[in-house]
C-alpha cells in the first residue's frame, strides 16, 4: 500500500518478556520501513501465562493464556495493535478482534538445548532416566514415542528464565526442548545442540501474529503490509486444522507444512501425553488464497477424525 501521507500514531502492545519485545521490535521496524511518517508508541504488560509460573500451562487452561490481557487493551482502545507469537493466539478470537497480518516465519522446528554437563551430546546419547524440561504436552507426547529412555518434567518461565534453570549447578534438567525461532531471535543459536526434525511443531510456530480491532479500518490498512503471503497461507491452513479439532496451544497437536510451487502439503499428528497412541494424516492441495488454505486445513482435520483423532483428544 502507499506510504502514509499524514502523521499517524500507532499504539502497539506486547508482553514484556525479552523474546516478546524482540519480536515486537521486528514488527515495528517493518512498519517504520513501510510508513516512515508513522509514530509508534509501545506498551508492555504481563499476561496470566506470564504471572502463573507455578502451574503447568495445560493445568491453567490454554485459551488466551498469553493474549487475554493484551486483547483487553485492544477492546478498551488503549492500544491499536498487538504482536503475538502466532502459536499463542487461539483460533477463536474475541468479538471485534481480527488477525490482520501473519508475518515472517522463522525456523518452526523444535530444538534441544543441553545442560553444561551434557555439551556435545544429543538426546539419544543421554543416559536412561535423564530429565528433559518442556512445558509442551505436544512435545512430550511425540518425544516419549521416539526417546522412551528419557523422563520429562515441566519447566515454566520466559525463555531466559528456563535457560537459567537449565544452567544452574544443581539443575534437575539434563536438557530443554524449545522453539528454534525464539532461541535465534534472542541471538542464542549457538546453544542449539540439534533440531528435532522428526517432531511436528506447534500450529503457527515461528510466525508472528498481528491482532487489531476488526472495525479499525485505518490500522488494518497500515498493518496489511506485514503479511508474508506463503507464511500466511500455511499458517491459516494449520490454524484451521486446530480449529476443527478444537485443540489449543496446550493440546498435543503437531503440524508440518511444505510447499511445492503452489501446492501446499500439511501433515498433522495428535498423540496421547504418554505417547502410547498417535494419529497421523496429511494431504496437499493448490493454495493461492485464504479460502483455499482454510479448505485444506478442513480436509486434513477430516482425515484426522476418520483415523480416530477425536478419541485421543477426548482422553486428554
Protein backbone atom coordinates (compact mmCIF):
# COMPACT_ATOMS: atom_id res chain seq x y z
CA UNK A 1 0.00 0.00 0.00
CA UNK A 2 1.19 3.62 -0.42
CA UNK A 3 3.32 5.23 2.27
CA UNK A 4 1.30 7.08 4.93
CA UNK A 5 0.84 10.67 3.78
CA UNK A 6 -0.11 12.28 7.12
CA UNK A 7 1.29 11.76 10.62
CA UNK A 8 -0.38 8.89 12.45
CA UNK A 9 0.33 7.49 15.90
CA UNK A 10 0.04 3.73 16.29
CA UNK A 11 -0.09 2.26 19.81
CA UNK A 12 1.49 -1.22 19.84
CA UNK A 13 1.04 -3.69 22.71
CA UNK A 14 3.39 -6.54 23.68
CA UNK A 15 4.17 -8.89 26.52
CA UNK A 16 7.18 -7.65 28.47
CA UNK A 17 9.49 -10.66 28.09
CA UNK A 18 12.76 -10.25 26.18
CA UNK A 19 11.57 -12.53 23.39
CA UNK A 20 8.18 -10.81 23.04
CA UNK A 21 9.87 -7.42 22.88
CA UNK A 22 12.42 -8.64 20.32
CA UNK A 23 9.57 -9.91 18.13
CA UNK A 24 7.57 -6.71 18.57
CA UNK A 25 10.61 -4.63 17.59
CA UNK A 26 10.83 -6.69 14.37
CA UNK A 27 7.26 -5.71 13.54
CA UNK A 28 7.82 -2.07 14.49
CA UNK A 29 10.86 -1.97 12.22
CA UNK A 30 8.84 -3.28 9.27
CA UNK A 31 6.05 -0.77 9.93
CA UNK A 32 8.52 2.11 10.01
CA UNK A 33 10.03 0.99 6.70
CA UNK A 34 6.60 0.92 5.07
CA UNK A 35 5.32 4.10 6.76
CA UNK A 36 8.25 6.45 7.55
CA UNK A 37 5.97 9.15 8.96
CA UNK A 38 4.33 6.79 11.42
CA UNK A 39 4.80 7.48 15.14
CA UNK A 40 4.77 4.29 17.20
CA UNK A 41 4.18 4.05 20.94
CA UNK A 42 4.99 0.75 22.67
CA UNK A 43 3.07 -0.51 25.71
CA UNK A 44 4.03 -3.69 27.58
CA UNK A 45 2.15 -5.88 30.04
CA UNK A 46 2.12 -9.28 31.68
CA UNK A 47 -0.47 -11.93 30.78
CA UNK A 48 -1.86 -14.67 33.01
CA UNK A 49 0.59 -17.06 31.36
CA UNK A 50 3.44 -14.82 32.50
CA UNK A 51 2.10 -14.42 36.03
CA UNK A 52 1.25 -18.08 36.77
CA UNK A 53 4.71 -19.63 36.72
CA UNK A 54 3.96 -22.24 39.37
CA UNK A 55 1.39 -24.21 37.34
CA UNK A 56 1.78 -26.21 34.12
CA UNK A 57 0.17 -24.47 31.14
CA UNK A 58 -2.23 -27.31 30.43
CA UNK A 59 -3.48 -27.08 34.03
CA UNK A 60 -4.27 -23.36 33.79
CA UNK A 61 -6.33 -23.65 30.61
CA UNK A 62 -4.88 -22.65 27.27
CA UNK A 63 -7.45 -20.31 25.75
CA UNK A 64 -5.89 -16.86 25.67
CA UNK A 65 -3.19 -17.76 28.18
CA UNK A 66 -0.75 -15.27 26.64
CA UNK A 67 -3.21 -13.00 24.83
CA UNK A 68 -6.21 -12.07 27.01
CA UNK A 69 -4.79 -9.02 28.78
CA UNK A 70 -3.45 -7.64 25.50
CA UNK A 71 -6.82 -8.15 23.83
CA UNK A 72 -8.45 -6.29 26.73
CA UNK A 73 -6.20 -3.34 25.86
CA UNK A 74 -7.41 -3.53 22.26
CA UNK A 75 -11.05 -3.74 23.33
CA UNK A 76 -10.68 -0.76 25.68
CA UNK A 77 -8.91 1.23 22.95
CA UNK A 78 -5.74 1.80 24.98
CA UNK A 79 -3.69 0.14 22.21
CA UNK A 80 -4.28 -0.33 18.47
CA UNK A 81 -2.11 -3.33 17.58
CA UNK A 82 -0.93 -6.40 19.46
CA UNK A 83 2.05 -8.51 18.38
CA UNK A 84 1.89 -12.16 19.45
CA UNK A 85 3.74 -15.37 18.78
CA UNK A 86 1.16 -16.82 16.40
CA UNK A 87 1.18 -20.16 18.21
CA UNK A 88 -0.22 -18.42 21.31
CA UNK A 89 -3.29 -16.98 19.54
CA UNK A 90 -6.47 -19.06 19.96
CA UNK A 91 -8.26 -19.96 16.74
CA UNK A 92 -11.45 -18.32 18.06
CA UNK A 93 -10.82 -14.62 18.64
CA UNK A 94 -12.93 -12.35 20.88
CA UNK A 95 -15.68 -10.24 19.33
CA UNK A 96 -14.36 -7.41 17.14
CA UNK A 97 -10.82 -8.82 17.12
CA UNK A 98 -9.07 -9.67 13.83
CA UNK A 99 -5.82 -11.42 12.93
CA UNK A 100 -4.85 -8.76 10.40
CA UNK A 101 -1.38 -10.00 9.48
CA UNK A 102 0.83 -13.07 9.75
CA UNK A 103 4.47 -12.21 9.38
CA UNK A 104 7.93 -13.63 8.96
CA UNK A 105 8.00 -17.29 9.94
CA UNK A 106 11.41 -18.22 11.32
CA UNK A 107 12.54 -21.86 11.56
CA UNK A 108 9.40 -23.54 13.00
CA UNK A 109 11.17 -26.62 14.38
CA UNK A 110 11.80 -27.54 17.99
CA UNK A 111 15.36 -27.95 19.22
CA UNK A 112 17.41 -29.32 22.11
CA UNK A 113 19.47 -27.15 24.46
CA UNK A 114 21.86 -29.18 26.62
CA UNK A 115 22.84 -28.51 30.21
CA UNK A 116 26.52 -27.54 30.54
CA UNK A 117 27.36 -31.05 31.81
CA UNK A 118 25.94 -32.59 28.61
CA UNK A 119 27.55 -30.37 25.99
CA UNK A 120 28.29 -32.20 22.74
CA UNK A 121 25.55 -34.78 23.25
CA UNK A 122 22.24 -35.43 21.51
CA UNK A 123 19.04 -36.76 23.08
CA UNK A 124 19.88 -40.31 22.04
CA UNK A 125 23.20 -40.04 23.88
CA UNK A 126 21.70 -39.20 27.26
CA UNK A 127 21.58 -41.84 29.98
CA UNK A 128 18.34 -43.63 30.77
CA UNK A 129 16.22 -41.57 33.13
CA UNK A 130 17.74 -38.24 32.08
CA UNK A 131 15.27 -35.40 32.63
CA UNK A 132 14.14 -33.21 29.72
CA UNK A 133 12.40 -29.94 30.56
CA UNK A 134 9.48 -28.70 28.48
CA UNK A 135 6.13 -27.10 29.18
CA UNK A 136 4.58 -28.52 26.00
CA UNK A 137 2.31 -31.57 26.08
CA UNK A 138 2.73 -31.79 22.29
CA UNK A 139 6.50 -32.15 22.57
CA UNK A 140 6.33 -34.70 25.37
CA UNK A 141 3.72 -36.78 23.54
CA UNK A 142 5.95 -37.13 20.47
CA UNK A 143 9.28 -37.39 22.28
CA UNK A 144 8.09 -40.21 24.54
CA UNK A 145 7.48 -42.26 21.41
CA UNK A 146 10.92 -41.51 19.97
CA UNK A 147 13.04 -41.49 23.15
CA UNK A 148 11.41 -43.91 25.61
CA UNK A 149 14.55 -43.97 27.80
CA UNK A 150 14.08 -40.31 28.83
CA UNK A 151 11.97 -38.67 31.54
CA UNK A 152 10.13 -35.39 31.06
CA UNK A 153 9.41 -32.62 33.56
CA UNK A 154 7.53 -29.34 33.28
CA UNK A 155 9.55 -26.13 33.13
CA UNK A 156 7.94 -22.68 33.21
CA UNK A 157 9.14 -19.13 32.82
CA UNK A 158 10.20 -16.99 29.90
CA UNK A 159 12.99 -18.26 27.69
CA UNK A 160 15.79 -16.64 29.68
CA UNK A 161 14.37 -17.97 32.96
CA UNK A 162 14.20 -21.50 31.59
CA UNK A 163 17.78 -21.33 30.35
CA UNK A 164 18.90 -20.12 33.78
CA UNK A 165 17.15 -23.11 35.38
CA UNK A 166 18.96 -25.44 32.96
CA UNK A 167 22.36 -23.86 33.60
CA UNK A 168 22.14 -23.83 37.42
CA UNK A 169 24.81 -26.07 39.02
CA UNK A 170 22.10 -28.05 40.82
CA UNK A 171 19.73 -28.20 37.84
CA UNK A 172 17.38 -31.18 37.69
CA UNK A 173 17.29 -30.84 33.90
CA UNK A 174 19.69 -32.56 31.53
CA UNK A 175 18.30 -30.68 28.55
CA UNK A 176 15.45 -28.43 27.45
CA UNK A 177 13.30 -28.61 24.34
CA UNK A 178 12.46 -25.17 22.97
CA UNK A 179 11.45 -23.50 19.70
CA UNK A 180 14.31 -22.72 17.33
CA UNK A 181 12.66 -19.41 16.40
CA UNK A 182 12.75 -18.00 19.93
CA UNK A 183 16.33 -19.06 20.52
CA UNK A 184 17.51 -17.49 17.28
CA UNK A 185 15.53 -14.27 17.75
CA UNK A 186 17.40 -13.76 21.02
CA UNK A 187 20.73 -14.39 19.24
CA UNK A 188 21.30 -17.61 21.20
CA UNK A 189 21.53 -20.00 18.25
CA UNK A 190 24.97 -21.22 19.34
CA UNK A 191 23.29 -23.01 22.25
CA UNK A 192 21.26 -25.31 19.99
CA UNK A 193 22.56 -28.89 20.27
CA UNK A 194 20.35 -30.14 17.45
CA UNK A 195 17.00 -29.51 15.83
CA UNK A 196 14.22 -32.09 16.11
CA UNK A 197 13.32 -32.84 12.51
CA UNK A 198 11.08 -35.77 13.45
CA UNK A 199 8.90 -33.78 15.88
CA UNK A 200 5.95 -31.99 14.27
CA UNK A 201 5.80 -28.43 15.52
CA UNK A 202 3.04 -26.30 17.03
CA UNK A 203 0.44 -24.65 14.83
CA UNK A 204 1.86 -21.30 13.71
CA UNK A 205 5.19 -21.84 15.46
CA UNK A 206 7.87 -19.40 14.34
CA UNK A 207 5.42 -16.89 12.84
CA UNK A 208 4.22 -13.60 14.32
CA UNK A 209 0.55 -12.66 14.51
CA UNK A 210 -0.66 -9.06 14.39
CA UNK A 211 -4.07 -8.54 16.00
CA UNK A 212 -6.24 -5.43 15.68
CA UNK A 213 -9.82 -4.34 16.23
CA UNK A 214 -11.90 -5.54 13.29
CA UNK A 215 -13.64 -2.16 12.95
CA UNK A 216 -10.38 -0.17 12.94
CA UNK A 217 -10.05 0.25 9.18
CA UNK A 218 -7.07 2.62 9.30
CA UNK A 219 -4.97 0.26 11.43
CA UNK A 220 -5.94 -2.72 9.29
CA UNK A 221 -4.64 -0.87 6.23
CA UNK A 222 -1.42 0.16 8.00
CA UNK A 223 -0.51 -3.40 9.06
CA UNK A 224 -1.58 -5.14 5.83
CA UNK A 225 1.99 -4.70 4.54
CA UNK A 226 3.20 -7.13 7.22
CA UNK A 227 1.56 -10.16 5.63
CA UNK A 228 4.02 -12.71 4.22
CA UNK A 229 1.95 -14.49 1.57
CA UNK A 230 3.20 -18.08 1.82
CA UNK A 231 3.54 -17.84 5.60
CA UNK A 232 0.02 -16.51 5.95
CA UNK A 233 -1.45 -19.27 3.80
CA UNK A 234 0.33 -22.17 5.51
CA UNK A 235 -0.46 -20.81 8.97
CA UNK A 236 -4.14 -20.29 8.10
CA UNK A 237 -4.28 -23.92 6.96
CA UNK A 238 -2.64 -25.10 10.19
CA UNK A 239 -4.94 -22.97 12.35
CA UNK A 240 -7.97 -24.40 10.56
CA UNK A 241 -6.82 -27.93 11.40
CA UNK A 242 -6.62 -26.93 15.05
CA UNK A 243 -9.92 -25.06 14.99
CA UNK A 244 -11.80 -28.06 13.59
CA UNK A 245 -10.14 -30.47 16.01
CA UNK A 246 -10.74 -27.96 18.83
CA UNK A 247 -7.22 -28.13 20.12
CA UNK A 248 -5.37 -25.33 21.88
CA UNK A 249 -1.74 -24.49 22.49
CA UNK A 250 -1.63 -26.96 25.41
CA UNK A 251 -3.11 -29.85 23.41
CA UNK A 252 -0.73 -32.26 21.61
CA UNK A 253 -1.48 -31.31 18.01
CA UNK A 254 1.63 -31.11 15.82
CA UNK A 255 1.86 -30.00 12.19
CA UNK A 256 4.31 -29.62 9.34
CA UNK A 257 3.70 -27.52 6.21
CA UNK A 258 5.68 -27.89 2.98
CA UNK A 259 5.38 -26.01 -0.31
CA UNK A 260 5.98 -27.37 -3.82
CA UNK A 261 5.23 -24.45 -6.11
CA UNK A 262 1.62 -23.55 -5.33
CA UNK A 263 0.95 -26.99 -3.82
CA UNK A 264 0.82 -26.88 -0.03
CA UNK A 265 1.09 -30.10 1.96
CA UNK A 266 0.02 -30.10 5.60
CA UNK A 267 0.76 -33.06 7.86
CA UNK A 268 -0.69 -33.43 11.34
CA UNK A 269 -0.21 -35.63 14.40
CA UNK A 270 -2.27 -35.99 17.56
CA UNK A 271 -0.66 -38.06 20.30
CA UNK A 272 -1.65 -39.02 23.82
CA UNK A 273 0.50 -37.39 26.53
CA UNK A 274 2.11 -40.72 27.43
CA UNK A 275 2.97 -41.37 23.78
CA UNK A 276 1.07 -44.65 23.68
CA UNK A 277 -1.40 -43.56 20.99
CA UNK A 278 -0.95 -41.39 17.93
CA UNK A 279 -2.98 -40.49 14.86
CA UNK A 280 -1.31 -39.03 11.78
CA UNK A 281 -2.65 -37.73 8.47
CA UNK A 282 -1.84 -35.25 5.75
CA UNK A 283 -2.77 -34.10 2.29
CA UNK A 284 -1.86 -31.47 -0.29
CA UNK A 285 -3.76 -29.04 -2.49
CA UNK A 286 -3.22 -25.97 -4.63
CA UNK A 287 -3.38 -22.97 -2.32
CA UNK A 288 -3.32 -19.41 -3.64
CA UNK A 289 -5.72 -17.61 -1.27
CA UNK A 290 -7.06 -17.64 2.29
CA UNK A 291 -10.17 -19.66 1.45
CA UNK A 292 -8.16 -22.43 -0.20
CA UNK A 293 -5.79 -22.52 2.76
CA UNK A 294 -8.65 -22.94 5.21
CA UNK A 295 -10.26 -25.57 2.98
CA UNK A 296 -7.02 -27.58 3.05
CA UNK A 297 -7.00 -27.36 6.84
CA UNK A 298 -10.55 -28.70 6.97
CA UNK A 299 -9.53 -31.63 4.74
CA UNK A 300 -6.61 -32.53 6.98
CA UNK A 301 -8.79 -32.33 10.09
CA UNK A 302 -11.38 -34.57 8.45
CA UNK A 303 -8.71 -37.17 7.68
CA UNK A 304 -7.53 -36.98 11.29
CA UNK A 305 -11.05 -37.57 12.56
CA UNK A 306 -11.52 -40.53 10.23
CA UNK A 307 -8.41 -42.08 11.82
CA UNK A 308 -9.53 -41.50 15.40
CA UNK A 309 -8.04 -38.17 16.47
CA UNK A 310 -11.14 -37.17 18.43
CA UNK A 311 -10.85 -40.21 20.69
CA UNK A 312 -7.23 -39.36 21.51
CA UNK A 313 -8.09 -35.72 22.27
CA UNK A 314 -11.10 -36.65 24.43
CA UNK A 315 -8.91 -38.86 26.58
CA UNK A 316 -6.56 -35.99 27.48
